[in-house]
N, C-alpha and C. Protein backbone atom coordinates (compact mmCIF):
# COMPACT_ATOMS: atom_id res chain seq x y z
N MET A 1 174.81 52.05 95.32
CA MET A 1 173.57 52.48 95.87
C MET A 1 172.39 52.11 94.83
N THR A 2 171.50 51.45 95.37
CA THR A 2 170.30 51.15 94.11
C THR A 2 169.31 52.19 94.27
N THR A 3 168.32 52.04 93.46
CA THR A 3 167.01 53.20 93.26
C THR A 3 166.48 52.91 94.59
N ARG A 4 166.21 51.56 95.12
CA ARG A 4 165.46 51.55 96.23
C ARG A 4 166.03 52.18 97.44
N THR A 5 167.14 52.32 97.66
CA THR A 5 168.09 53.27 98.50
C THR A 5 167.42 54.59 98.45
N VAL A 6 167.24 55.04 97.40
CA VAL A 6 166.80 56.56 97.45
C VAL A 6 165.56 56.69 97.95
N ARG A 7 164.54 55.84 97.61
CA ARG A 7 163.09 55.92 98.10
C ARG A 7 163.01 55.68 99.41
N GLU A 8 163.61 54.68 99.92
CA GLU A 8 163.85 54.46 101.40
C GLU A 8 164.52 55.16 102.53
N LYS A 9 165.49 56.10 101.94
CA LYS A 9 166.36 57.02 102.60
C LYS A 9 165.45 57.71 103.79
N ASN A 10 165.80 57.53 105.02
CA ASN A 10 165.06 58.62 106.15
C ASN A 10 165.24 59.79 106.08
N ALA A 11 164.27 60.85 105.56
CA ALA A 11 164.49 62.22 105.43
C ALA A 11 164.16 62.69 106.84
N GLN A 12 164.90 63.57 107.45
CA GLN A 12 164.72 64.29 108.57
C GLN A 12 164.47 65.75 108.55
N GLY A 13 163.74 66.34 109.57
CA GLY A 13 163.54 67.56 109.73
C GLY A 13 162.40 68.32 108.83
N GLN A 14 162.69 69.76 108.83
CA GLN A 14 161.46 70.14 107.94
C GLN A 14 162.12 70.34 106.50
N ALA A 15 161.08 70.15 105.77
CA ALA A 15 161.31 70.48 104.30
C ALA A 15 161.58 71.79 103.88
N SER A 16 162.63 72.09 102.95
CA SER A 16 162.67 73.27 102.49
C SER A 16 161.98 73.22 100.88
N ARG A 17 161.17 74.02 100.69
CA ARG A 17 160.42 74.02 99.27
C ARG A 17 160.77 75.10 98.44
N LEU A 18 161.35 75.05 97.23
CA LEU A 18 161.39 75.82 96.21
C LEU A 18 160.70 75.84 94.98
N THR A 19 160.01 76.80 94.44
CA THR A 19 159.21 76.65 93.28
C THR A 19 159.95 77.08 92.22
N LEU A 20 160.10 76.45 91.13
CA LEU A 20 160.77 76.80 89.87
C LEU A 20 159.71 76.69 88.67
N ARG A 21 159.73 77.81 87.84
CA ARG A 21 159.25 77.36 86.41
C ARG A 21 160.35 76.69 85.44
N VAL A 22 160.05 75.72 84.61
CA VAL A 22 160.77 75.39 83.59
C VAL A 22 160.61 76.12 82.34
N TYR A 23 161.88 76.48 82.09
CA TYR A 23 161.90 77.60 80.55
C TYR A 23 162.53 76.79 79.43
N TYR A 24 162.44 77.60 78.52
CA TYR A 24 162.93 76.95 77.06
C TYR A 24 164.54 76.28 77.23
N GLU A 25 165.38 77.20 77.67
CA GLU A 25 166.75 76.87 77.96
C GLU A 25 166.96 75.59 79.22
N ASP A 26 166.00 75.26 79.55
CA ASP A 26 165.98 73.88 80.50
C ASP A 26 165.31 72.54 79.79
N THR A 27 165.13 72.52 78.44
CA THR A 27 164.56 71.48 77.79
C THR A 27 165.50 71.22 76.57
N ASP A 28 165.15 69.95 76.15
CA ASP A 28 166.10 69.42 75.08
C ASP A 28 165.15 69.52 73.49
N PHE A 29 165.55 68.77 72.64
CA PHE A 29 164.91 69.18 71.37
C PHE A 29 163.40 68.50 71.18
N SER A 30 163.44 67.70 72.41
CA SER A 30 161.96 67.06 72.42
C SER A 30 160.78 68.09 73.17
N GLY A 31 161.27 69.01 73.81
CA GLY A 31 160.68 69.93 74.51
C GLY A 31 160.45 69.43 76.16
N ARG A 32 161.05 68.40 76.58
CA ARG A 32 161.08 67.74 77.91
C ARG A 32 162.43 68.31 78.36
N VAL A 33 162.49 68.48 79.99
CA VAL A 33 163.48 68.95 80.62
C VAL A 33 164.82 68.13 80.38
N TYR A 34 165.91 68.66 79.82
CA TYR A 34 167.01 67.82 79.72
C TYR A 34 167.75 67.25 81.20
N HIS A 35 168.20 66.13 81.45
CA HIS A 35 168.56 65.58 82.71
C HIS A 35 169.42 66.19 83.38
N ALA A 36 170.39 67.24 82.79
CA ALA A 36 171.47 67.75 83.67
C ALA A 36 170.63 69.18 84.26
N SER A 37 169.84 69.28 83.72
CA SER A 37 168.94 70.43 84.12
C SER A 37 168.07 70.46 85.51
N TYR A 38 168.04 68.87 85.63
CA TYR A 38 167.26 68.52 87.15
C TYR A 38 168.47 68.80 88.16
N LEU A 39 169.66 68.59 87.56
CA LEU A 39 170.81 68.68 88.64
C LEU A 39 170.98 70.24 89.01
N ARG A 40 170.75 70.89 88.29
CA ARG A 40 170.57 72.78 88.62
C ARG A 40 169.45 73.00 89.59
N PHE A 41 168.56 72.49 89.27
CA PHE A 41 167.27 72.54 90.21
C PHE A 41 167.62 72.05 91.66
N LEU A 42 168.12 70.82 91.69
CA LEU A 42 168.56 70.18 92.81
C LEU A 42 169.51 70.99 93.75
N GLU A 43 170.35 71.51 92.97
CA GLU A 43 171.19 72.59 93.46
C GLU A 43 170.75 73.63 94.49
N ARG A 44 169.87 74.34 93.27
CA ARG A 44 169.04 75.42 93.91
C ARG A 44 168.25 75.06 95.31
N GLY A 45 167.88 73.89 95.44
CA GLY A 45 167.13 73.49 96.51
C GLY A 45 167.83 73.23 97.80
N ARG A 46 169.43 72.55 97.40
CA ARG A 46 169.82 72.56 98.53
C ARG A 46 170.54 73.69 98.68
N THR A 47 170.88 74.86 98.14
CA THR A 47 171.18 76.28 98.53
C THR A 47 170.11 76.95 99.29
N GLU A 48 168.90 76.86 99.14
CA GLU A 48 168.07 77.56 99.62
C GLU A 48 167.76 76.57 100.92
N TRP A 49 167.90 75.42 101.04
CA TRP A 49 167.81 74.78 102.18
C TRP A 49 168.79 75.36 103.50
N LEU A 50 170.24 75.41 102.95
CA LEU A 50 171.10 76.29 103.85
C LEU A 50 170.72 77.56 104.19
N ARG A 51 170.25 78.34 103.30
CA ARG A 51 170.09 79.79 103.59
C ARG A 51 168.85 79.94 104.57
N GLU A 52 167.75 79.06 104.47
CA GLU A 52 166.65 79.21 105.32
C GLU A 52 167.20 78.79 106.83
N ARG A 53 168.50 78.04 106.95
CA ARG A 53 168.71 77.84 108.37
C ARG A 53 169.95 79.15 108.36
N GLY A 54 170.16 79.94 108.01
CA GLY A 54 171.23 80.76 108.06
C GLY A 54 172.53 80.80 107.59
N PHE A 55 172.68 79.71 106.69
CA PHE A 55 173.88 79.64 106.43
C PHE A 55 174.07 79.98 104.84
N GLU A 56 174.78 81.35 104.50
CA GLU A 56 175.18 81.41 103.09
C GLU A 56 176.33 80.85 102.58
N GLN A 57 176.50 80.10 101.48
CA GLN A 57 177.51 79.40 101.06
C GLN A 57 178.57 80.49 100.65
N LYS A 58 178.18 81.56 100.30
CA LYS A 58 179.44 82.47 99.77
C LYS A 58 180.28 83.09 101.29
N GLU A 59 179.61 83.40 102.12
CA GLU A 59 179.91 83.83 103.72
C GLU A 59 180.66 82.79 104.19
N MET A 60 180.27 81.24 104.27
CA MET A 60 181.04 80.41 104.66
C MET A 60 182.39 79.94 104.20
N ALA A 61 182.48 80.38 102.66
CA ALA A 61 183.60 80.02 102.20
C ALA A 61 184.68 81.55 102.42
N LYS A 62 184.29 82.48 102.68
CA LYS A 62 184.93 83.60 103.21
C LYS A 62 185.27 83.55 104.51
N GLY A 63 184.33 83.28 105.37
CA GLY A 63 184.46 83.39 106.90
C GLY A 63 185.28 82.06 107.39
N VAL A 64 184.79 81.03 107.42
CA VAL A 64 185.54 79.45 107.83
C VAL A 64 186.17 78.85 106.67
N SER A 65 186.20 79.56 105.37
CA SER A 65 186.83 78.69 104.13
C SER A 65 186.48 77.47 104.08
N ILE A 66 185.21 76.96 104.14
CA ILE A 66 184.62 75.84 104.18
C ILE A 66 183.42 76.12 103.11
N VAL A 67 183.65 74.80 101.85
CA VAL A 67 183.11 75.03 100.71
C VAL A 67 182.09 73.62 100.99
N PHE A 68 181.04 73.42 100.24
CA PHE A 68 180.55 72.11 100.15
C PHE A 68 180.64 71.66 98.62
N VAL A 69 180.83 70.45 98.53
CA VAL A 69 181.12 69.62 96.96
C VAL A 69 180.31 68.52 97.08
N VAL A 70 179.60 68.31 96.18
CA VAL A 70 178.84 67.03 96.03
C VAL A 70 179.84 65.87 95.73
N ARG A 71 179.61 64.97 96.52
CA ARG A 71 180.43 63.66 96.55
C ARG A 71 179.90 62.47 95.83
N ARG A 72 178.38 62.50 95.89
CA ARG A 72 177.83 61.53 95.54
C ARG A 72 176.17 61.79 95.22
N LEU A 73 175.70 61.47 93.91
CA LEU A 73 174.46 61.49 93.66
C LEU A 73 173.82 60.35 92.76
N THR A 74 172.51 60.05 93.45
CA THR A 74 171.99 59.26 93.22
C THR A 74 170.33 59.99 92.80
N ILE A 75 169.87 59.38 91.71
CA ILE A 75 168.74 60.40 91.06
C ILE A 75 167.89 59.36 90.33
N ASP A 76 166.46 59.13 90.68
CA ASP A 76 165.48 58.47 89.80
C ASP A 76 164.75 59.45 89.10
N PHE A 77 164.69 59.25 87.83
CA PHE A 77 163.78 60.24 87.15
C PHE A 77 162.35 59.25 86.73
N LEU A 78 161.43 59.88 87.28
CA LEU A 78 160.06 58.87 87.26
C LEU A 78 159.08 59.46 86.09
N LYS A 79 159.02 60.71 85.92
CA LYS A 79 158.07 61.24 84.89
C LYS A 79 158.88 62.36 84.12
N ALA A 80 158.77 62.85 83.07
CA ALA A 80 159.29 64.20 82.54
C ALA A 80 158.58 65.47 82.65
N ALA A 81 159.36 66.43 82.85
CA ALA A 81 158.82 67.71 83.03
C ALA A 81 158.90 68.33 81.77
N ALA A 82 158.11 69.38 81.49
CA ALA A 82 158.28 70.05 80.07
C ALA A 82 158.13 71.69 80.48
N MET A 83 158.42 72.44 79.30
CA MET A 83 158.37 73.59 79.40
C MET A 83 157.16 74.36 79.95
N ASP A 84 157.23 75.13 80.64
CA ASP A 84 156.40 76.07 81.43
C ASP A 84 155.78 75.20 82.43
N ASP A 85 156.25 74.04 82.63
CA ASP A 85 155.79 73.27 84.01
C ASP A 85 156.25 74.16 85.09
N LEU A 86 155.57 74.29 86.42
CA LEU A 86 155.99 74.57 87.61
C LEU A 86 156.31 73.56 88.70
N LEU A 87 157.42 73.53 88.87
CA LEU A 87 158.26 72.35 89.70
C LEU A 87 158.43 72.64 91.34
N THR A 88 158.18 71.91 92.03
CA THR A 88 158.44 72.01 93.51
C THR A 88 159.66 71.10 93.86
N ILE A 89 160.74 71.81 94.45
CA ILE A 89 161.94 71.00 95.02
C ILE A 89 162.02 71.04 96.32
N GLU A 90 161.73 69.74 96.71
CA GLU A 90 161.56 69.52 98.31
C GLU A 90 162.94 68.95 98.76
N THR A 91 163.70 69.39 99.85
CA THR A 91 164.85 68.98 100.40
C THR A 91 164.74 68.84 101.85
N ARG A 92 165.38 67.76 102.16
CA ARG A 92 165.35 67.44 103.84
C ARG A 92 166.78 66.85 104.01
N LEU A 93 167.20 66.97 105.38
CA LEU A 93 168.41 66.47 105.55
C LEU A 93 168.00 64.76 106.01
N ALA A 94 169.09 63.89 105.26
CA ALA A 94 168.87 62.49 105.38
C ALA A 94 169.80 61.93 106.18
N LEU A 95 171.12 62.50 106.39
CA LEU A 95 171.91 61.75 106.92
C LEU A 95 173.08 62.82 107.27
N LEU A 96 173.55 62.95 108.76
CA LEU A 96 174.47 63.73 109.34
C LEU A 96 175.63 63.09 109.69
N GLY A 97 177.03 63.50 109.00
CA GLY A 97 178.28 62.81 109.38
C GLY A 97 179.05 64.03 110.00
N ALA A 98 180.56 63.72 110.33
CA ALA A 98 181.42 64.84 110.84
C ALA A 98 181.74 65.86 109.76
N ALA A 99 182.16 65.30 108.60
CA ALA A 99 182.32 66.27 107.63
C ALA A 99 181.23 66.23 106.21
N SER A 100 180.18 65.36 106.41
CA SER A 100 179.33 65.53 105.39
C SER A 100 177.99 65.21 105.72
N PHE A 101 176.99 65.58 105.07
CA PHE A 101 175.64 65.27 105.30
C PHE A 101 175.02 64.87 103.65
N ASP A 102 173.72 63.97 103.99
CA ASP A 102 173.42 63.74 102.67
C ASP A 102 172.09 64.58 102.80
N PHE A 103 171.34 64.70 101.60
CA PHE A 103 169.96 65.50 101.44
C PHE A 103 169.11 64.37 100.52
N SER A 104 167.89 64.27 101.08
CA SER A 104 166.72 63.64 100.23
C SER A 104 166.22 64.77 99.67
N GLN A 105 166.08 64.69 98.26
CA GLN A 105 165.24 65.76 97.38
C GLN A 105 164.25 65.20 96.48
N VAL A 106 163.14 65.64 96.67
CA VAL A 106 161.95 65.48 95.52
C VAL A 106 161.72 66.37 94.49
N ILE A 107 161.51 66.16 93.27
CA ILE A 107 160.95 67.22 92.32
C ILE A 107 159.57 66.76 91.95
N ILE A 108 158.80 67.71 92.27
CA ILE A 108 157.23 67.44 92.25
C ILE A 108 156.35 68.56 91.23
N CYS A 109 155.59 67.92 90.44
CA CYS A 109 154.94 68.76 89.53
C CYS A 109 153.67 68.22 89.34
N ASP A 110 152.67 69.30 89.61
CA ASP A 110 151.32 69.22 89.79
C ASP A 110 151.08 67.76 90.78
N GLU A 111 151.56 67.82 92.00
CA GLU A 111 151.28 66.84 93.00
C GLU A 111 151.89 65.52 92.58
N THR A 112 152.66 65.27 91.31
CA THR A 112 153.21 64.14 90.95
C THR A 112 154.67 64.29 91.24
N THR A 113 155.46 63.29 91.99
CA THR A 113 156.61 63.16 92.25
C THR A 113 157.18 62.71 90.55
N ILE A 114 158.26 63.64 90.05
CA ILE A 114 158.80 63.31 88.85
C ILE A 114 160.13 62.74 89.03
N ALA A 115 160.87 63.15 90.09
CA ALA A 115 162.32 62.82 90.36
C ALA A 115 162.42 62.64 91.75
N THR A 116 163.34 61.60 92.12
CA THR A 116 163.73 61.62 93.67
C THR A 116 165.26 61.57 93.58
N ALA A 117 166.14 62.13 94.54
CA ALA A 117 167.25 62.30 94.47
C ALA A 117 168.00 62.05 95.93
N LEU A 118 168.90 61.23 96.20
CA LEU A 118 169.66 61.32 97.41
C LEU A 118 171.12 62.12 97.11
N VAL A 119 171.53 62.86 97.82
CA VAL A 119 172.77 63.87 97.26
C VAL A 119 173.80 63.78 98.46
N GLY A 120 174.94 63.49 98.47
CA GLY A 120 175.86 63.44 99.45
C GLY A 120 176.81 64.47 99.37
N VAL A 121 177.08 65.11 100.26
CA VAL A 121 177.75 66.40 100.32
C VAL A 121 178.77 66.34 101.33
N VAL A 122 180.25 66.98 100.91
CA VAL A 122 181.13 66.86 101.79
C VAL A 122 181.61 68.31 101.91
N ALA A 123 182.29 68.62 103.20
CA ALA A 123 182.63 69.85 103.40
C ALA A 123 184.16 69.83 103.22
N LEU A 124 184.67 70.92 102.44
CA LEU A 124 186.12 71.32 102.19
C LEU A 124 186.55 72.14 102.76
N LYS A 125 187.96 72.16 103.23
CA LYS A 125 188.56 73.43 103.62
C LYS A 125 190.08 73.08 102.78
N GLY A 126 190.05 73.96 101.92
CA GLY A 126 191.22 73.74 100.77
C GLY A 126 190.90 72.37 100.12
N ASP A 127 191.46 71.39 99.99
CA ASP A 127 191.53 70.23 99.11
C ASP A 127 190.94 69.29 100.05
N ARG A 128 190.93 69.40 101.43
CA ARG A 128 190.62 68.28 102.16
C ARG A 128 189.47 68.65 102.91
N PRO A 129 188.80 67.12 103.25
CA PRO A 129 187.56 67.21 104.26
C PRO A 129 187.94 67.82 105.54
N ALA A 130 186.73 68.67 105.73
CA ALA A 130 186.84 69.13 107.12
C ALA A 130 185.49 69.08 107.78
N ARG A 131 185.69 69.08 109.33
CA ARG A 131 184.52 68.82 110.07
C ARG A 131 183.82 70.18 109.79
N LEU A 132 182.42 69.87 109.88
CA LEU A 132 181.47 70.95 109.69
C LEU A 132 181.26 71.88 110.93
N PRO A 133 181.22 73.02 110.60
CA PRO A 133 181.43 74.26 111.53
C PRO A 133 180.52 74.02 112.82
N PRO A 134 180.90 74.22 113.97
CA PRO A 134 180.05 73.72 115.17
C PRO A 134 178.79 74.31 115.24
N ASP A 135 178.45 75.63 114.85
CA ASP A 135 177.14 76.06 114.69
C ASP A 135 176.18 75.30 113.64
N LEU A 136 176.84 75.08 112.43
CA LEU A 136 176.04 74.38 111.46
C LEU A 136 175.79 72.95 112.04
N ARG A 137 176.67 72.20 112.59
CA ARG A 137 176.54 70.95 112.82
C ARG A 137 175.37 70.99 114.26
N ALA A 138 175.30 71.83 115.18
CA ALA A 138 174.63 72.07 116.18
C ALA A 138 173.11 72.03 115.67
N ARG A 139 172.91 73.25 114.70
CA ARG A 139 171.53 73.29 114.20
C ARG A 139 171.29 72.05 113.44
N LEU A 140 171.93 71.38 112.47
CA LEU A 140 171.61 70.09 111.85
C LEU A 140 171.00 69.25 113.03
N LEU A 141 172.04 68.86 113.86
CA LEU A 141 171.64 67.91 114.99
C LEU A 141 170.18 68.08 115.56
N ASN A 142 170.04 69.78 115.93
CA ASN A 142 168.74 69.99 116.62
C ASN A 142 167.72 69.55 115.63
N GLU A 143 167.90 69.90 114.47
CA GLU A 143 166.81 69.64 113.29
C GLU A 143 166.43 68.23 113.50
N SER A 144 167.58 67.27 113.18
CA SER A 144 167.31 65.76 113.06
C SER A 144 166.61 65.17 114.28
N ALA A 145 166.99 65.90 115.70
CA ALA A 145 166.25 65.50 116.82
C ALA A 145 164.94 65.98 117.08
N THR A 146 164.46 67.10 116.26
CA THR A 146 163.22 67.49 116.64
C THR A 146 162.40 66.83 115.42
N SER A 147 162.77 66.21 114.39
CA SER A 147 161.83 65.91 113.35
C SER A 147 160.82 64.67 113.86
N ASP A 148 159.77 64.95 112.91
CA ASP A 148 158.93 63.96 113.58
C ASP A 148 158.53 62.61 112.67
N PRO A 149 159.21 61.53 113.13
CA PRO A 149 159.23 59.97 112.55
C PRO A 149 158.05 59.85 111.54
N SER A 150 156.86 60.22 112.11
CA SER A 150 155.60 59.96 111.61
C SER A 150 155.26 60.79 109.97
N SER A 151 156.26 61.87 109.96
CA SER A 151 156.07 62.61 108.98
C SER A 151 156.89 61.94 107.56
N HIS A 152 157.71 60.93 107.80
CA HIS A 152 158.44 60.55 106.83
C HIS A 152 157.97 59.67 105.84
C-alpha cells in the first residue's frame, strides 16, 4: 500500500473526534511526539468511534466473544507534534468487509494535518477471523449508506 492510498481512501459516515493533549511521556528526547505514541492516539480514536456507535469492546469480548485486532496499518507522518500540543483524532469508516473494516484516521493540530492513517481491523473469535456481529454490521452499513459523498 502506498502513501497515496492513505490519502485517497474514501472515508464514509460521520467522523468521531477525540481531543488529546500531548504529555511528556508521549515525547522522545527531542521533545517531539515519539512515533509509537501516534499509534496509541489512533487506537483511542478507533475505540471512541466504536463506543459512540454503542459498541464497547470489553462487552463484545465477553458477550459475543469478538475482539478486534489491527491487521494492517499505513501511516504518513506529515509534521511533528510536541509536548502540550492539543491534538484532534478524526476517525471514519473507510471500507466494510464481512469480518473486517478499515478506518481512515487523521491527526490534526491547530487546524494542520500532522498525520494520516489507514488501519485495517479484523474481528476474531478465538484465534480465527469471524463475521462481524449482525447488529454492528447493520449499523456500519447504515452509516456508509447515509454518508454524504460531497463531504469526503
